[in-house]
N, C-alpha and C. Protein backbone atom coordinates (compact mmCIF):
# COMPACT_ATOMS: atom_id res chain seq x y z
N UNK A 1 20.79 27.81 1.79
CA UNK A 1 19.30 27.11 2.34
C UNK A 1 18.52 27.47 3.27
N UNK A 2 17.79 27.49 3.77
CA UNK A 2 17.30 27.35 5.13
C UNK A 2 15.92 25.94 5.29
N UNK A 3 16.63 25.42 6.37
CA UNK A 3 15.63 24.02 6.97
C UNK A 3 14.56 24.21 7.88
N UNK A 4 13.90 23.77 7.05
CA UNK A 4 12.65 24.55 8.52
C UNK A 4 12.31 22.95 8.88
N UNK A 5 12.74 22.10 9.00
CA UNK A 5 12.52 20.76 9.32
C UNK A 5 14.31 20.76 10.13
N UNK A 6 13.99 19.12 10.96
CA UNK A 6 14.83 18.52 11.44
C UNK A 6 14.73 17.15 11.14
N UNK A 7 14.67 16.85 9.98
CA UNK A 7 14.92 15.52 9.41
C UNK A 7 15.91 15.72 8.33
N UNK A 8 17.31 14.22 8.89
CA UNK A 8 17.80 14.23 7.60
C UNK A 8 17.90 14.17 6.41
N UNK A 9 19.18 14.94 5.33
CA UNK A 9 18.70 14.16 4.34
C UNK A 9 18.32 12.52 3.63
N UNK A 10 18.49 11.50 4.93
CA UNK A 10 18.59 10.46 4.72
C UNK A 10 17.15 9.86 4.72
N UNK A 11 16.97 10.43 5.86
CA UNK A 11 14.85 10.91 6.03
C UNK A 11 14.05 10.78 4.96
N UNK A 12 15.29 11.96 4.07
CA UNK A 12 13.76 12.82 3.30
C UNK A 12 13.83 11.91 2.09
N UNK A 13 15.45 11.14 1.45
CA UNK A 13 15.27 10.85 0.50
C UNK A 13 14.31 9.82 0.77
N UNK A 14 14.16 8.76 1.62
CA UNK A 14 13.42 7.57 2.11
C UNK A 14 12.10 7.78 1.66
N UNK A 15 11.61 9.36 2.33
CA UNK A 15 10.21 9.67 2.47
C UNK A 15 9.66 9.74 0.91
N UNK A 16 11.22 10.28 0.23
CA UNK A 16 10.65 10.67 -1.43
C UNK A 16 10.66 9.55 -2.16
N UNK A 17 11.42 8.06 -1.72
CA UNK A 17 11.80 7.37 -2.44
C UNK A 17 10.02 6.16 -2.53
N UNK A 18 9.59 6.50 -0.85
CA UNK A 18 8.36 5.57 -0.59
C UNK A 18 6.97 6.39 -1.46
N UNK A 19 6.90 7.74 -1.76
CA UNK A 19 6.20 8.27 -2.66
C UNK A 19 6.31 7.98 -4.10
N UNK A 20 7.20 8.20 -4.69
CA UNK A 20 8.02 7.80 -5.75
C UNK A 20 6.71 5.93 -6.48
N UNK A 21 7.85 5.61 -5.32
CA UNK A 21 6.86 4.15 -5.65
C UNK A 21 5.53 3.67 -5.23
N UNK A 22 4.66 4.94 -4.81
CA UNK A 22 3.45 4.25 -4.74
C UNK A 22 2.78 4.64 -5.31
N UNK A 23 0.73 3.79 -5.52
CA UNK A 23 0.62 4.34 -6.27
C UNK A 23 -0.22 5.82 -7.56
N UNK A 24 -0.64 5.92 -7.98
CA UNK A 24 -0.70 7.16 -8.82
C UNK A 24 -2.36 7.71 -7.67
N UNK A 25 -3.04 6.68 -7.06
CA UNK A 25 -4.06 7.78 -6.27
C UNK A 25 -3.77 7.83 -4.92
N UNK A 26 -2.72 7.16 -4.27
CA UNK A 26 -2.51 7.75 -3.35
C UNK A 26 -0.92 8.85 -3.11
N UNK A 27 -0.41 9.05 -4.81
CA UNK A 27 0.78 9.70 -4.57
C UNK A 27 -0.55 11.30 -4.61
N UNK A 28 -1.78 11.35 -5.39
CA UNK A 28 -2.60 12.88 -5.94
C UNK A 28 -2.95 12.65 -4.16
N UNK A 29 -2.86 11.82 -2.49
CA UNK A 29 -3.63 12.23 -1.35
C UNK A 29 -2.53 12.83 -1.19
N UNK A 30 -1.24 12.48 -1.36
CA UNK A 30 0.45 13.32 -1.19
C UNK A 30 -0.12 15.16 -1.96
N UNK A 31 -0.02 15.24 -2.89
CA UNK A 31 -0.38 16.31 -3.23
C UNK A 31 -1.28 16.76 -2.06
N UNK A 32 -2.96 15.83 -1.91
CA UNK A 32 -3.51 17.07 -1.55
C UNK A 32 -3.01 17.93 -0.09
N UNK A 33 -2.39 16.34 0.57
CA UNK A 33 -1.65 16.91 2.46
C UNK A 33 -1.30 18.15 1.72
N UNK A 34 -0.04 18.61 0.40
CA UNK A 34 0.69 20.03 0.59
C UNK A 34 -0.57 20.95 -0.37
N UNK A 35 -0.73 20.54 -0.62
CA UNK A 35 -2.44 22.24 -1.11
C UNK A 35 -2.92 21.97 0.06
N UNK A 36 -3.23 21.37 1.12
CA UNK A 36 -4.29 21.67 2.32
C UNK A 36 -2.78 22.55 3.13
N UNK A 37 -1.20 22.92 2.90
CA UNK A 37 -0.75 23.47 3.98
C UNK A 37 0.12 24.63 2.84
N UNK A 38 -0.72 24.54 1.52
CA UNK A 38 -0.25 25.87 0.91
C UNK A 38 1.26 25.53 0.65
N UNK A 39 1.64 24.34 0.32
CA UNK A 39 3.11 24.27 -0.07
C UNK A 39 3.63 24.49 -1.05
N UNK A 40 4.75 25.10 -1.90
CA UNK A 40 4.91 25.59 -2.82
C UNK A 40 5.55 24.34 -4.07
N UNK A 41 4.84 23.97 -4.43
CA UNK A 41 4.85 22.82 -5.88
C UNK A 41 5.31 23.43 -7.15
N UNK A 42 6.29 22.35 -7.60
CA UNK A 42 7.09 22.83 -9.03
C UNK A 42 6.29 21.90 -10.14
N UNK A 43 6.05 22.70 -10.85
CA UNK A 43 5.19 21.48 -11.79
C UNK A 43 6.00 21.74 -13.73
N UNK A 44 6.72 20.06 -14.49
CA UNK A 44 6.78 20.21 -15.88
C UNK A 44 6.43 19.45 -15.87
N UNK A 45 6.94 18.48 -17.22
CA UNK A 45 6.02 17.54 -18.10
C UNK A 45 6.58 16.11 -17.75
N UNK A 46 7.51 16.30 -16.83
CA UNK A 46 7.82 14.84 -16.01
C UNK A 46 7.96 14.70 -14.45
N UNK A 47 6.06 16.17 -14.05
CA UNK A 47 6.31 15.38 -13.50
C UNK A 47 6.12 17.07 -11.93
N UNK A 48 5.15 16.75 -10.55
CA UNK A 48 4.81 17.48 -9.84
C UNK A 48 6.91 17.48 -8.80
N UNK A 49 7.45 18.85 -8.28
CA UNK A 49 8.52 18.98 -7.60
C UNK A 49 8.04 19.57 -6.13
N UNK A 50 8.44 18.78 -4.79
CA UNK A 50 8.71 19.82 -4.20
C UNK A 50 9.59 20.19 -3.46
N UNK A 51 10.13 20.77 -3.03
CA UNK A 51 11.96 21.04 -2.36
C UNK A 51 10.80 20.67 -0.40
N UNK A 52 11.42 19.70 -0.18
CA UNK A 52 11.61 18.68 0.92
C UNK A 52 12.05 19.38 1.89
N UNK A 53 12.85 19.77 1.55
CA UNK A 53 13.80 20.09 3.27
C UNK A 53 13.23 22.57 3.63
N UNK A 54 12.10 22.29 3.15
CA UNK A 54 11.70 23.49 3.35
C UNK A 54 10.41 23.03 4.22
N UNK A 55 9.68 22.27 4.59
CA UNK A 55 8.63 21.70 4.75
C UNK A 55 8.57 21.22 5.88
N UNK A 56 7.54 21.29 7.17
CA UNK A 56 7.88 21.68 8.77
C UNK A 56 7.87 20.10 8.62
N UNK A 57 8.13 20.27 10.26
CA UNK A 57 7.35 18.24 11.09
C UNK A 57 6.87 17.89 10.68
N UNK A 58 5.67 19.33 10.32
CA UNK A 58 4.59 18.55 11.21
C UNK A 58 3.95 18.07 10.00
N UNK A 59 4.33 18.72 8.61
CA UNK A 59 3.64 18.11 7.06
C UNK A 59 4.19 16.47 7.08
N UNK A 60 5.97 16.91 7.26
CA UNK A 60 6.53 15.67 6.73
C UNK A 60 5.86 14.36 7.37
N UNK A 61 5.85 15.11 9.54
CA UNK A 61 4.98 13.89 9.85
C UNK A 61 3.63 13.49 9.44
N UNK A 62 2.73 14.07 8.51
CA UNK A 62 1.37 13.38 8.02
C UNK A 62 2.57 12.71 7.45
N UNK A 63 2.98 12.98 6.18
CA UNK A 63 2.92 12.66 5.44
C UNK A 63 3.93 10.56 5.75
N UNK A 64 4.39 11.18 6.34
CA UNK A 64 4.62 9.43 7.04
C UNK A 64 3.70 8.59 7.67
N UNK A 65 3.43 9.74 8.21
CA UNK A 65 1.82 8.73 8.78
C UNK A 65 1.00 8.46 8.00
N UNK A 66 0.70 9.05 6.17
CA UNK A 66 -0.53 8.03 4.99
C UNK A 66 0.69 7.58 5.17
N UNK A 67 1.89 7.11 4.66
CA UNK A 67 3.03 5.82 4.01
C UNK A 67 2.88 5.11 4.35
N UNK A 68 2.81 4.87 6.05
CA UNK A 68 2.84 4.04 6.63
C UNK A 68 1.31 3.13 6.78
N UNK A 69 0.56 3.88 6.38
CA UNK A 69 -0.94 3.97 6.54
C UNK A 69 -0.87 3.00 4.96
N UNK A 70 -0.60 3.31 3.92
CA UNK A 70 -0.43 3.05 2.58
C UNK A 70 0.62 1.58 2.50
N UNK A 71 1.26 1.64 3.15
CA UNK A 71 2.19 0.24 3.29
C UNK A 71 1.52 -1.27 4.14
N UNK A 72 0.39 -0.42 5.18
CA UNK A 72 -0.23 -1.37 6.31
C UNK A 72 -0.87 -2.00 5.38
N UNK A 73 -1.91 -0.94 4.37
CA UNK A 73 -3.06 -1.42 3.48
C UNK A 73 -2.22 -2.50 2.62
N UNK A 74 -1.49 -1.98 1.88
CA UNK A 74 -1.01 -2.81 0.62
C UNK A 74 -0.57 -4.49 1.47
N UNK A 75 -0.46 -4.42 2.63
CA UNK A 75 -0.03 -6.09 3.36
C UNK A 75 -1.12 -6.57 3.60
N UNK A 76 -1.84 -5.31 4.45
CA UNK A 76 -3.27 -6.25 4.39
C UNK A 76 -3.92 -6.88 3.12
N UNK A 77 -3.87 -6.07 2.31
CA UNK A 77 -4.34 -6.75 1.01
C UNK A 77 -3.40 -7.45 0.81
N UNK A 78 -2.29 -7.55 0.53
CA UNK A 78 -1.51 -9.30 0.38
C UNK A 78 -1.93 -10.72 1.22
N UNK A 79 -1.71 -10.21 2.26
CA UNK A 79 -2.60 -11.56 3.65
C UNK A 79 -4.07 -11.63 2.86
N UNK A 80 -4.71 -11.07 2.47
CA UNK A 80 -6.43 -11.44 2.32
C UNK A 80 -6.59 -11.74 0.85
N UNK A 81 -5.39 -11.77 0.22
CA UNK A 81 -5.71 -12.57 -1.91
C UNK A 81 -4.62 -13.95 -0.66
N UNK A 82 -4.29 -13.49 0.00
CA UNK A 82 -3.04 -14.99 0.00
C UNK A 82 -4.65 -16.02 0.94
N UNK A 83 -4.56 -15.16 1.50
CA UNK A 83 -5.49 -16.54 2.28
C UNK A 83 -6.90 -17.04 1.18
N UNK A 84 -7.69 -15.59 0.83
CA UNK A 84 -8.53 -16.02 -0.08
C UNK A 84 -8.28 -17.00 -0.99
N UNK A 85 -6.88 -16.94 -1.97
CA UNK A 85 -6.06 -18.70 -2.57
C UNK A 85 -5.98 -19.82 -1.84
N UNK A 86 -5.72 -19.88 -0.44
CA UNK A 86 -5.64 -20.99 0.25
C UNK A 86 -6.94 -21.27 1.00
N UNK A 87 -8.19 -20.59 0.24
CA UNK A 87 -9.38 -20.54 0.57
C UNK A 87 -9.96 -21.82 -0.36
N UNK A 88 -9.90 -20.54 -1.40
CA UNK A 88 -10.14 -21.50 -2.56
C UNK A 88 -9.57 -23.11 -3.54
N UNK A 89 -8.13 -22.85 -2.52
CA UNK A 89 -7.74 -24.26 -2.77
C UNK A 89 -7.86 -25.08 -1.60
N UNK A 90 -8.55 -24.93 -1.03
CA UNK A 90 -9.19 -25.62 0.15
C UNK A 90 -10.94 -26.33 -0.27
N UNK A 91 -11.36 -25.52 -1.05
CA UNK A 91 -12.33 -25.92 -1.43
C UNK A 91 -12.11 -26.37 -2.35
N UNK A 92 -11.08 -26.02 -3.95
CA UNK A 92 -11.59 -26.84 -4.69
C UNK A 92 -11.01 -28.72 -4.11
N UNK A 93 -10.30 -28.97 -3.43
CA UNK A 93 -9.50 -30.38 -3.13
C UNK A 93 -10.59 -31.52 -2.27
N UNK A 94 -11.32 -30.44 -1.61
CA UNK A 94 -13.00 -31.06 -0.90
C UNK A 94 -13.63 -31.07 -1.83
N UNK A 95 -13.65 -30.28 -2.86
CA UNK A 95 -14.83 -31.08 -4.12
C UNK A 95 -14.15 -31.87 -4.99
N UNK A 96 -12.84 -32.20 -4.75
CA UNK A 96 -12.47 -33.10 -5.36
C UNK A 96 -12.31 -34.17 -5.23
N UNK A 97 -11.97 -34.07 -3.76
CA UNK A 97 -12.34 -34.84 -3.20
C UNK A 97 -13.57 -36.37 -2.81
N UNK A 98 -14.61 -35.71 -2.99
CA UNK A 98 -15.90 -35.72 -2.42
C UNK A 98 -16.38 -36.49 -4.49
N UNK A 99 -15.31 -35.55 -5.63
CA UNK A 99 -16.23 -36.34 -6.75
C UNK A 99 -15.31 -37.37 -7.11
N UNK A 100 -14.39 -37.48 -6.74
CA UNK A 100 -13.80 -38.95 -7.02
C UNK A 100 -13.78 -39.98 -5.33
N UNK A 101 -14.18 -40.02 -4.49
CA UNK A 101 -15.34 -40.77 -3.62
C UNK A 101 -15.78 -42.02 -4.78
N UNK A 102 -15.55 -43.20 -4.54
CA UNK A 102 -16.38 -44.56 -5.12
C UNK A 102 -17.53 -44.88 -3.98
N UNK A 103 -18.61 -45.17 -4.18
CA UNK A 103 -19.43 -45.53 -2.84
C UNK A 103 -19.54 -46.83 -3.84
N UNK A 104 -19.64 -47.79 -2.88
CA UNK A 104 -19.85 -49.14 -3.68
C UNK A 104 -21.51 -49.38 -3.23
N UNK A 105 -21.35 -49.83 -4.33
CA UNK A 105 -23.18 -50.80 -4.17
C UNK A 105 -23.84 -51.05 -2.67
N UNK A 106 -22.74 -52.28 -1.89
CA UNK A 106 -23.07 -52.81 -0.87
C UNK A 106 -23.13 -51.16 0.42
N UNK A 107 -22.42 -50.56 -0.08
CA UNK A 107 -22.55 -49.71 0.92
C UNK A 107 -23.53 -48.99 1.05
N UNK A 108 -23.95 -48.69 -0.03
CA UNK A 108 -25.54 -48.03 0.01
C UNK A 108 -26.53 -49.43 0.54
N UNK A 109 -26.81 -50.38 0.25
CA UNK A 109 -27.49 -50.72 0.64
C UNK A 109 -27.15 -51.45 1.99
N UNK A 110 -26.04 -50.82 2.83
CA UNK A 110 -26.32 -52.01 4.11
C UNK A 110 -27.29 -51.52 5.28
């Protein structure tokens, strides 16, 4: 079996695992990248398969870059969602504080 790249089997397995846990849209983008490079794809009812040991370093590097992009995108989204929730909590606390403020009659007419 010929190998057209310098990636170890562990590195290839890491790439494979990263692709398997991606959402469907990102997996489609990986397939587009493979199709663009005319890579041989095998498809059956279980999915689409690629013998990654025959992929060039260039293709594997592009796949890794896309994987890193999707991971960064997911991290940024999680951070933004967290910040949004914290902002909501802050606004709700401010509103509750204003609603619970007791104003005395003497303070109004001073």
